[in-house]
Amino acid sequence: PMHEVTFSTDDKPKLLSQ
């Protein structure tokens, strides 16, 4: 759910880094 909320352009790369 969290990744869905932070699916922004700046959060996209962050999700991959996480």
N, C-alpha and C. Protein backbone atom coordinates (compact mmCIF):
# COMPACT_ATOMS: atom_id res chain seq x y z
N PRO A 1 0.82 -1.21 0.00
CA PRO A 1 0.00 0.00 0.00
C PRO A 1 0.86 1.27 0.00
N MET A 2 1.90 1.27 0.78
CA MET A 2 2.75 2.45 0.86
C MET A 2 3.37 2.77 -0.51
N HIS A 3 3.86 1.75 -1.19
CA HIS A 3 4.48 1.98 -2.50
C HIS A 3 3.46 2.55 -3.48
N GLU A 4 2.19 2.26 -3.23
CA GLU A 4 1.15 2.79 -4.12
C GLU A 4 0.98 4.29 -3.91
N VAL A 5 1.11 4.69 -2.65
CA VAL A 5 0.94 6.11 -2.32
C VAL A 5 2.17 6.90 -2.74
N THR A 6 3.33 6.26 -2.67
CA THR A 6 4.57 6.95 -3.04
C THR A 6 5.00 6.57 -4.45
N PHE A 7 4.02 6.51 -5.33
CA PHE A 7 4.32 6.14 -6.71
C PHE A 7 4.58 7.39 -7.54
N SER A 8 5.24 8.37 -6.91
CA SER A 8 5.52 9.61 -7.61
C SER A 8 6.76 9.45 -8.50
N THR A 9 7.05 10.45 -9.29
CA THR A 9 8.20 10.39 -10.19
C THR A 9 9.50 10.35 -9.38
N ASP A 10 9.48 11.01 -8.22
CA ASP A 10 10.67 11.04 -7.37
C ASP A 10 10.73 9.81 -6.47
N ASP A 11 9.58 9.21 -6.25
CA ASP A 11 9.53 8.03 -5.39
C ASP A 11 9.74 6.75 -6.20
N LYS A 12 9.54 6.84 -7.48
CA LYS A 12 9.72 5.65 -8.33
C LYS A 12 11.14 5.10 -8.21
N PRO A 13 12.13 5.93 -8.42
CA PRO A 13 13.52 5.48 -8.28
C PRO A 13 13.86 5.09 -6.85
N LYS A 14 13.18 5.71 -5.92
CA LYS A 14 13.43 5.40 -4.51
C LYS A 14 12.98 3.98 -4.20
N LEU A 15 11.86 3.59 -4.80
CA LEU A 15 11.32 2.25 -4.56
C LEU A 15 12.32 1.21 -5.07
N LEU A 16 12.98 1.52 -6.16
CA LEU A 16 13.94 0.58 -6.73
C LEU A 16 15.20 0.54 -5.87
N SER A 17 15.51 1.68 -5.28
CA SER A 17 16.70 1.76 -4.42
C SER A 17 16.44 1.06 -3.09
N GLN A 18 15.20 1.09 -2.67
CA GLN A 18 14.86 0.46 -1.39
C GLN A 18 15.06 -1.03 -1.53
